[in-house]
């Protein structure tokens, strides 16, 4: 009967560490065994000062090697399997070691100075600048933000959002920067020629109203003529005066329709004058701020703003899932503009870096506590045998050098001490 095919076994990723530890452990044990052999062999030599010196040195080397073997072994297990107190330190004290490691990392690694140094080397603003300036990187981020928009909006209560909008907008509009923002908006309007579109809209609306209300306006003008000139004048000329007034008004509106009319030029000059006053006259700027604040605080405007919020939320929710929608494109454009600003404005990059540093340092005390608890809980959850083995694989090779050094240093110190005591006191016991 054919045997089923043998599945390939996964290669041990730590096989090199295991081999290295076995090799160094064998070297340390071999050195200790060699020192023991030297000690036994020294007793076969004829008695002499040199023989006594060799015996003393070899004894000290054996003692040093055994003592360091015991110390190294006691870190990971009970030597010879004997439950000697204060041995198998890592398995027995795993939780305490984890808590100590957590406190050490939290209090001595994640310090304010270290965080500031890492952030300075990282230069977060430059990283964001490069990322925001890459359209291939920005587009997926904008799409992800857009997909998250319905959840973000769902987490907001409409009533709370409306109340917040109603409180913030009057304060923002009435602040010291409102006039400058309005001036920049009007400047952009003029530079783009959009102010003429506003003028055309106003003229068109006025002409529409005149046509729709012509009968009422004629009656009102005729009544006014009768009130001022008497019943006879009103009866004779009232209707004619009303028609001539409306005809003249329509004729004037037709004359300002062309793009080069004097009224259009006067309208543009008035807007430019207002921009200059907003930028240079503090009293005018303050008056505009007060007017905007009062207007936005009016209940009717507040209700209108609430309706805007509802429409905006519905539009965002409907457009958010469309990868080619306006929301994605607007977010991508905003991120791209942010990248351009960071690229062109070193002061903005510096402000961003300082803000990130302040934010992280402000969060550091709480983060330290959570980090310490996290490390302790992770170590606590590790399997004792596994964690002991992994630590020994990574530090055990160096610890074998401790054993070798203990054997050799014991040999040298034992010989030196024997020679020194013999020189001082004569013959000493070996």
Protein backbone atom coordinates (compact mmCIF):
# COMPACT_ATOMS: atom_id res chain seq x y z
CA UNK A 1 0.00 0.00 0.00
CA UNK A 2 1.62 3.30 -1.06
CA UNK A 3 2.36 5.78 1.67
CA UNK A 4 0.64 9.16 1.46
CA UNK A 5 2.92 11.96 0.29
CA UNK A 6 4.79 13.61 3.15
CA UNK A 7 3.91 17.26 3.53
CA UNK A 8 6.91 19.59 3.62
CA UNK A 9 7.59 20.86 7.12
CA UNK A 10 7.92 24.56 7.70
CA UNK A 11 11.54 25.51 8.30
CA UNK A 12 12.30 26.68 11.82
CA UNK A 13 12.95 30.46 11.51
CA UNK A 14 15.20 30.32 14.57
CA UNK A 15 17.34 27.38 13.48
CA UNK A 16 20.44 29.58 13.12
CA UNK A 17 19.99 30.86 16.68
CA UNK A 18 19.61 27.30 17.99
CA UNK A 19 22.76 26.17 16.24
CA UNK A 20 24.73 29.14 17.49
CA UNK A 21 23.56 28.58 21.08
CA UNK A 22 24.46 24.88 20.97
CA UNK A 23 27.89 25.66 19.56
CA UNK A 24 28.71 28.29 22.19
CA UNK A 25 27.27 26.19 25.00
CA UNK A 26 29.46 23.26 23.92
CA UNK A 27 32.51 25.56 23.84
CA UNK A 28 31.83 26.87 27.37
CA UNK A 29 31.21 23.34 28.69
CA UNK A 30 34.30 22.05 26.92
CA UNK A 31 36.41 24.78 28.48
CA UNK A 32 35.08 23.90 31.94
CA UNK A 33 35.75 20.18 31.31
CA UNK A 34 39.24 21.00 30.10
CA UNK A 35 39.87 23.02 33.25
CA UNK A 36 38.70 20.04 35.32
CA UNK A 37 41.04 17.76 33.37
CA UNK A 38 43.91 20.18 33.97
CA UNK A 39 43.13 20.12 37.70
CA UNK A 40 43.16 16.30 37.84
CA UNK A 41 46.29 16.12 35.72
CA UNK A 42 48.13 18.53 38.01
CA UNK A 43 48.02 15.95 40.82
CA UNK A 44 50.07 13.58 38.71
CA UNK A 45 52.95 16.07 38.56
CA UNK A 46 55.83 15.97 41.07
CA UNK A 47 55.44 18.34 44.04
CA UNK A 48 56.88 21.78 43.36
CA UNK A 49 55.96 25.46 43.49
CA UNK A 50 54.86 25.33 39.84
CA UNK A 51 52.64 22.32 40.54
CA UNK A 52 51.03 24.07 43.50
CA UNK A 53 50.49 27.21 41.41
CA UNK A 54 48.86 25.18 38.62
CA UNK A 55 46.61 23.33 41.07
CA UNK A 56 45.47 26.58 42.73
CA UNK A 57 44.75 28.23 39.38
CA UNK A 58 42.91 25.18 38.01
CA UNK A 59 40.79 24.88 41.16
CA UNK A 60 39.78 28.55 40.92
CA UNK A 61 39.03 28.12 37.21
CA UNK A 62 36.75 25.14 37.90
CA UNK A 63 34.97 27.00 40.71
CA UNK A 64 34.55 30.11 38.55
CA UNK A 65 33.23 28.09 35.62
CA UNK A 66 30.74 26.15 37.79
CA UNK A 67 29.57 29.32 39.56
CA UNK A 68 28.89 31.10 36.26
CA UNK A 69 27.23 27.98 34.80
CA UNK A 70 24.92 27.99 37.83
CA UNK A 71 24.19 31.71 37.46
CA UNK A 72 23.47 31.48 33.73
CA UNK A 73 21.34 28.37 34.08
CA UNK A 74 19.40 29.82 37.02
CA UNK A 75 18.09 32.59 34.76
CA UNK A 76 16.11 30.15 32.63
CA UNK A 77 15.57 26.95 34.67
CA UNK A 78 16.36 25.12 37.88
CA UNK A 79 19.98 23.89 37.76
CA UNK A 80 20.02 20.06 37.56
CA UNK A 81 16.24 20.19 37.98
CA UNK A 82 16.56 21.04 41.67
CA UNK A 83 14.00 23.57 42.98
CA UNK A 84 16.67 25.81 44.50
CA UNK A 85 15.26 29.14 45.72
CA UNK A 86 15.81 32.14 43.43
CA UNK A 87 16.45 30.03 40.34
CA UNK A 88 14.40 29.78 37.10
CA UNK A 89 14.10 33.55 37.45
CA UNK A 90 12.56 34.35 34.08
CA UNK A 91 9.82 31.65 34.20
CA UNK A 92 8.99 32.35 37.85
CA UNK A 93 9.05 36.15 37.55
CA UNK A 94 7.55 36.56 34.08
CA UNK A 95 4.71 38.84 35.16
CA UNK A 96 6.94 41.01 37.33
CA UNK A 97 9.50 41.25 34.54
CA UNK A 98 6.75 42.23 32.10
CA UNK A 99 5.52 44.97 34.42
CA UNK A 100 9.08 46.20 34.92
CA UNK A 101 9.75 46.16 31.19
CA UNK A 102 6.56 48.12 30.58
CA UNK A 103 7.50 50.76 33.16
CA UNK A 104 11.03 51.02 31.78
CA UNK A 105 9.89 51.52 28.18
CA UNK A 106 7.16 53.97 29.17
CA UNK A 107 9.26 56.09 31.54
CA UNK A 108 12.73 55.92 29.99
CA UNK A 109 12.09 55.47 26.26
CA UNK A 110 8.91 57.47 25.63
CA UNK A 111 10.11 60.65 27.32
CA UNK A 112 9.30 64.18 26.20
CA UNK A 113 12.90 64.73 25.11
CA UNK A 114 12.95 61.49 23.08
CA UNK A 115 9.61 62.22 21.43
CA UNK A 116 10.72 65.74 20.51
CA UNK A 117 14.02 64.42 19.14
CA UNK A 118 12.32 61.73 17.02
CA UNK A 119 9.75 64.18 15.65
CA UNK A 120 12.48 66.68 14.78
CA UNK A 121 14.37 64.00 12.87
CA UNK A 122 11.18 62.72 11.25
CA UNK A 123 9.98 66.17 10.07
CA UNK A 124 6.32 65.15 9.92
CA UNK A 125 5.34 68.21 7.87
CA UNK A 126 7.74 67.26 5.06
CA UNK A 127 6.42 63.69 5.07
CA UNK A 128 2.84 64.97 4.76
CA UNK A 129 3.91 67.49 2.12
CA UNK A 130 5.35 64.74 -0.08
CA UNK A 131 2.34 62.51 0.51
CA UNK A 132 -0.27 65.21 -0.16
CA UNK A 133 1.59 66.28 -3.31
CA UNK A 134 1.28 62.79 -4.82
CA UNK A 135 -2.09 62.43 -6.63
CA UNK A 136 -1.79 58.63 -6.65
CA UNK A 137 -1.54 58.65 -2.84
CA UNK A 138 -4.16 61.35 -2.23
CA UNK A 139 -6.94 59.84 -4.35
CA UNK A 140 -7.34 56.62 -2.28
CA UNK A 141 -7.22 58.65 0.92
CA UNK A 142 -9.90 61.00 -0.38
CA UNK A 143 -12.05 58.04 -1.41
CA UNK A 144 -11.66 56.47 2.04
CA UNK A 145 -12.59 59.73 3.76
CA UNK A 146 -15.59 60.09 1.47
CA UNK A 147 -16.78 56.56 2.26
CA UNK A 148 -16.47 57.34 5.95
CA UNK A 149 -18.51 60.52 5.59
CA UNK A 150 -21.95 58.88 6.10
CA UNK A 151 -20.76 57.26 9.35
CA UNK A 152 -19.31 60.57 10.53
CA UNK A 153 -22.52 62.39 9.70
CA UNK A 154 -24.61 59.66 11.33
CA UNK A 155 -22.66 60.14 14.54
CA UNK A 156 -23.75 63.79 14.61
CA UNK A 157 -27.17 64.69 15.90
CA UNK A 158 -28.85 67.09 13.49
CA UNK A 159 -30.14 69.27 16.29
CA UNK A 160 -26.73 69.44 17.95
CA UNK A 161 -25.01 70.21 14.63
CA UNK A 162 -27.51 72.97 13.87
CA UNK A 163 -27.09 74.52 17.32
CA UNK A 164 -23.31 74.37 17.00
CA UNK A 165 -23.47 75.94 13.55
CA UNK A 166 -25.78 78.63 14.88
CA UNK A 167 -23.38 79.45 17.73
CA UNK A 168 -20.13 79.32 15.80
CA UNK A 169 -20.98 81.18 12.61
CA UNK A 170 -21.96 84.49 14.27
CA UNK A 171 -18.75 84.41 16.33
CA UNK A 172 -16.61 83.60 13.31
CA UNK A 173 -18.34 86.17 11.12
CA UNK A 174 -18.11 88.84 13.81
CA UNK A 175 -14.46 88.18 14.60
CA UNK A 176 -11.56 90.46 13.66
CA UNK A 177 -10.69 88.39 10.59
CA UNK A 178 -14.18 88.44 9.06
CA UNK A 179 -13.60 91.70 7.21
CA UNK A 180 -10.35 90.44 5.71
CA UNK A 181 -12.06 87.23 4.57
CA UNK A 182 -14.88 89.25 3.00
CA UNK A 183 -12.35 91.53 1.30
CA UNK A 184 -10.50 88.55 -0.17
CA UNK A 185 -13.79 87.04 -1.35
CA UNK A 186 -14.82 90.28 -3.06
CA UNK A 187 -11.37 90.60 -4.65
CA UNK A 188 -11.64 87.07 -6.04
CA UNK A 189 -15.14 87.92 -7.29
CA UNK A 190 -13.84 90.96 -9.22
CA UNK A 191 -10.70 89.26 -10.55
CA UNK A 192 -12.82 86.44 -11.95
CA UNK A 193 -15.40 88.81 -13.44
CA UNK A 194 -18.13 87.24 -11.33
CA UNK A 195 -19.29 90.60 -9.98
CA UNK A 196 -20.74 91.38 -13.42
CA UNK A 197 -22.72 88.15 -13.26
CA UNK A 198 -24.13 89.30 -9.93
CA UNK A 199 -24.94 92.67 -11.52
CA UNK A 200 -26.68 90.95 -14.46
CA UNK A 201 -28.69 88.80 -12.05
CA UNK A 202 -29.81 91.84 -10.08
CA UNK A 203 -30.81 93.75 -13.23
CA UNK A 204 -32.63 90.75 -14.65
CA UNK A 205 -34.54 90.17 -11.42
CA UNK A 206 -35.49 93.84 -11.24
CA UNK A 207 -36.82 93.81 -14.82
CA UNK A 208 -38.79 90.64 -14.10
CA UNK A 209 -40.38 92.26 -11.06
CA UNK A 210 -41.26 95.38 -13.07
CA UNK A 211 -42.99 93.32 -15.73
CA UNK A 212 -44.85 91.16 -13.22
CA UNK A 213 -45.96 94.10 -11.08
CA UNK A 214 -46.57 96.65 -13.84
CA UNK A 215 -50.30 97.06 -13.12
CA UNK A 216 -49.77 97.46 -9.38
CA UNK A 217 -46.93 99.94 -9.93
CA UNK A 218 -49.01 102.04 -12.34
CA UNK A 219 -51.85 102.15 -9.85
CA UNK A 220 -49.49 103.10 -7.04
CA UNK A 221 -47.86 105.90 -9.08
CA UNK A 222 -51.22 107.26 -10.19
CA UNK A 223 -52.45 107.25 -6.59
CA UNK A 224 -49.35 109.11 -5.55
CA UNK A 225 -49.90 111.72 -8.27
CA UNK A 226 -53.50 112.23 -7.13
CA UNK A 227 -52.35 112.55 -3.52
CA UNK A 228 -49.77 115.19 -4.42
CA UNK A 229 -51.56 117.07 -7.28
CA UNK A 230 -55.20 116.68 -6.43
CA UNK A 231 -58.03 114.67 -7.90
CA UNK A 232 -58.20 116.69 -11.16
CA UNK A 233 -54.50 116.33 -11.95
CA UNK A 234 -54.61 112.68 -11.00
CA UNK A 235 -57.58 112.08 -13.24
CA UNK A 236 -56.05 113.93 -16.23
CA UNK A 237 -52.35 112.89 -16.00
CA UNK A 238 -52.02 110.16 -13.36
CA UNK A 239 -52.10 107.13 -15.67
CA UNK A 240 -49.86 108.82 -18.27
CA UNK A 241 -47.25 109.78 -15.67
CA UNK A 242 -47.21 106.22 -14.32
CA UNK A 243 -46.65 104.78 -17.82
CA UNK A 244 -43.88 107.29 -18.58
CA UNK A 245 -42.14 106.56 -15.23
CA UNK A 246 -42.16 102.81 -15.83
CA UNK A 247 -41.09 103.25 -19.46
CA UNK A 248 -38.17 105.48 -18.43
CA UNK A 249 -37.14 103.02 -15.75
CA UNK A 250 -37.16 100.12 -18.23
CA UNK A 251 -35.18 102.21 -20.72
CA UNK A 252 -32.51 102.93 -18.09
CA UNK A 253 -32.29 99.26 -17.23
CA UNK A 254 -31.82 98.45 -20.93
CA UNK A 255 -29.02 101.02 -21.17
CA UNK A 256 -27.03 99.45 -18.31
CA UNK A 257 -27.35 95.98 -19.86
CA UNK A 258 -24.19 96.30 -22.09
CA UNK A 259 -20.86 95.39 -20.48
CA UNK A 260 -19.36 98.87 -20.93
CA UNK A 261 -22.13 100.90 -19.29
CA UNK A 262 -21.28 103.66 -16.82
CA UNK A 263 -23.41 102.09 -14.12
CA UNK A 264 -21.44 98.86 -14.35
CA UNK A 265 -18.18 100.76 -14.03
CA UNK A 266 -19.57 102.65 -11.05
CA UNK A 267 -20.66 99.36 -9.48
CA UNK A 268 -17.15 97.92 -9.86
CA UNK A 269 -15.55 101.11 -8.50
CA UNK A 270 -17.87 100.97 -5.49
CA UNK A 271 -16.91 97.36 -4.76
CA UNK A 272 -13.18 98.17 -5.02
CA UNK A 273 -13.66 101.11 -2.69
CA UNK A 274 -15.41 98.89 -0.17
CA UNK A 275 -12.56 96.36 -0.38
CA UNK A 276 -10.03 99.11 0.35
CA UNK A 277 -12.06 100.32 3.34
CA UNK A 278 -12.40 96.81 4.71
CA UNK A 279 -8.63 96.33 4.52
CA UNK A 280 -7.55 99.71 5.85
CA UNK A 281 -10.37 101.12 8.01
CA UNK A 282 -10.71 99.34 11.39
CA UNK A 283 -14.02 101.03 12.14
CA UNK A 284 -15.50 99.93 8.83
CA UNK A 285 -14.23 96.38 9.40
CA UNK A 286 -15.73 96.33 12.90
CA UNK A 287 -19.06 97.65 11.59
CA UNK A 288 -19.17 94.94 8.91
CA UNK A 289 -18.34 92.32 11.55
CA UNK A 290 -21.17 93.52 13.77
CA UNK A 291 -23.61 93.53 10.87
CA UNK A 292 -22.67 90.00 9.87
CA UNK A 293 -22.89 88.79 13.47
CA UNK A 294 -26.32 90.35 13.96
CA UNK A 295 -27.58 88.98 10.64
CA UNK A 296 -26.40 85.44 11.32
CA UNK A 297 -27.82 85.53 14.85
CA UNK A 298 -31.30 86.39 13.57
CA UNK A 299 -33.78 83.50 14.08
CA UNK A 300 -34.77 83.48 10.42
CA UNK A 301 -31.15 83.18 9.31
CA UNK A 302 -30.55 80.49 11.95
CA UNK A 303 -33.46 78.51 10.53
CA UNK A 304 -32.04 78.98 7.04
CA UNK A 305 -28.64 77.72 8.22
CA UNK A 306 -30.33 74.68 9.74
CA UNK A 307 -31.97 73.97 6.40
CA UNK A 308 -28.59 74.34 4.69
CA UNK A 309 -27.11 71.79 7.10
CA UNK A 310 -29.88 69.31 6.31
CA UNK A 311 -29.44 69.76 2.56
CA UNK A 312 -25.66 69.56 2.85
CA UNK A 313 -25.85 66.35 4.87
CA UNK A 314 -28.24 64.72 2.42
CA UNK A 315 -26.08 65.75 -0.54
CA UNK A 316 -22.90 64.47 1.13
CA UNK A 317 -24.48 61.13 2.03
CA UNK A 318 -25.77 60.68 -1.52
CA UNK A 319 -22.45 61.57 -3.13
CA UNK A 320 -20.06 59.95 -0.64
CA UNK A 321 -20.13 56.44 -2.13
CA UNK A 322 -19.43 57.63 -5.68
CA UNK A 323 -15.67 57.28 -6.36
CA UNK A 324 -15.98 59.88 -9.12
CA UNK A 325 -18.29 62.13 -7.11
CA UNK A 326 -17.78 65.73 -6.10
CA UNK A 327 -17.05 64.82 -2.50
CA UNK A 328 -14.05 62.67 -3.45
CA UNK A 329 -12.78 65.28 -5.86
CA UNK A 330 -13.24 68.06 -3.31
CA UNK A 331 -11.39 66.09 -0.64
CA UNK A 332 -8.60 65.22 -3.07
CA UNK A 333 -8.35 68.86 -4.08
CA UNK A 334 -8.25 69.97 -0.46
CA UNK A 335 -5.48 67.49 0.37
CA UNK A 336 -3.57 68.54 -2.73
CA UNK A 337 -3.89 72.19 -1.77
CA UNK A 338 -2.62 71.34 1.69
CA UNK A 339 0.42 69.67 0.11
CA UNK A 340 1.05 72.77 -2.04
CA UNK A 341 0.77 75.03 1.01
CA UNK A 342 3.25 72.90 2.95
CA UNK A 343 5.63 72.87 -0.01
CA UNK A 344 5.56 76.64 -0.44
CA UNK A 345 5.31 77.83 3.15
CA UNK A 346 8.17 76.86 5.50
CA UNK A 347 6.43 78.65 8.35
CA UNK A 348 3.36 76.44 7.90
CA UNK A 349 5.56 73.33 8.05
CA UNK A 350 7.16 74.59 11.23
CA UNK A 351 3.77 75.31 12.78
CA UNK A 352 2.53 71.83 11.86
CA UNK A 353 5.61 70.18 13.37
CA UNK A 354 5.27 72.21 16.57
CA UNK A 355 1.54 71.43 16.78
CA UNK A 356 2.19 67.70 16.34
CA UNK A 357 4.90 67.84 19.01
CA UNK A 358 2.64 69.67 21.46
CA UNK A 359 -0.24 67.25 20.80
CA UNK A 360 1.90 64.15 21.33
CA UNK A 361 3.56 65.54 24.45
CA UNK A 362 0.14 66.46 25.86
CA UNK A 363 -1.02 62.87 25.28
CA UNK A 364 2.23 61.37 26.60
CA UNK A 365 1.32 60.96 30.31
CA UNK A 366 -1.79 58.94 29.55
CA UNK A 367 -0.05 57.09 26.72
CA UNK A 368 2.77 56.07 29.05
CA UNK A 369 0.33 54.44 31.46
CA UNK A 370 -1.49 52.62 28.68
CA UNK A 371 1.78 51.53 27.04
CA UNK A 372 3.11 50.17 30.32
CA UNK A 373 -0.10 48.22 30.93
CA UNK A 374 -0.13 46.97 27.33
CA UNK A 375 3.44 45.61 27.49
CA UNK A 376 2.75 43.98 30.87
CA UNK A 377 -0.44 42.33 29.57
CA UNK A 378 1.31 41.07 26.42
CA UNK A 379 4.15 39.52 28.41
CA UNK A 380 1.64 38.07 30.88
CA UNK A 381 -0.17 36.33 28.04
CA UNK A 382 2.95 34.71 26.61
CA UNK A 383 3.52 30.99 27.15
CA UNK A 384 6.20 30.65 29.85
CA UNK A 385 8.21 27.97 28.07
CA UNK A 386 8.06 29.82 24.76
CA UNK A 387 9.13 33.19 26.15
CA UNK A 388 11.94 31.59 28.16
CA UNK A 389 13.23 29.79 25.08
CA UNK A 390 13.05 32.91 22.91
CA UNK A 391 14.94 35.01 25.43
CA UNK A 392 17.58 32.32 25.86
CA UNK A 393 18.01 31.98 22.08
CA UNK A 394 18.71 35.70 21.78
CA UNK A 395 20.95 36.27 24.81
CA UNK A 396 22.13 32.74 25.62
CA UNK A 397 25.09 32.88 23.23
CA UNK A 398 26.51 35.95 24.98
CA UNK A 399 25.84 34.31 28.35
CA UNK A 400 28.05 31.37 27.31
CA UNK A 401 30.90 33.88 27.05
CA UNK A 402 30.15 34.76 30.67
CA UNK A 403 30.77 31.11 31.51
CA UNK A 404 34.01 31.04 29.49
CA UNK A 405 35.20 34.29 31.03
CA UNK A 406 34.36 32.99 34.52
CA UNK A 407 36.46 29.87 33.93
CA UNK A 408 39.44 31.77 32.53
CA UNK A 409 39.26 34.67 34.98
CA UNK A 410 38.96 32.19 37.87
CA UNK A 411 42.08 30.40 36.61
CA UNK A 412 44.09 33.64 36.36
CA UNK A 413 42.85 35.10 39.64
CA UNK A 414 43.44 31.78 41.47
CA UNK A 415 47.02 31.58 40.22
CA UNK A 416 47.72 35.25 40.96
CA UNK A 417 46.25 35.01 44.45
CA UNK A 418 48.31 31.86 45.23
CA UNK A 419 51.52 33.54 44.08
CA UNK A 420 50.76 36.70 46.06
CA UNK A 421 49.91 34.87 49.29
CA UNK A 422 52.96 32.63 48.97
CA UNK A 423 55.17 35.67 48.54
CA UNK A 424 53.69 37.29 51.63
CA UNK A 425 53.25 34.36 54.01
CA UNK A 426 55.39 31.58 52.67
CA UNK A 427 53.79 28.25 51.82
CA UNK A 428 49.94 28.29 51.74
CA UNK A 429 47.40 25.48 51.43
CA UNK A 430 46.37 24.68 47.89
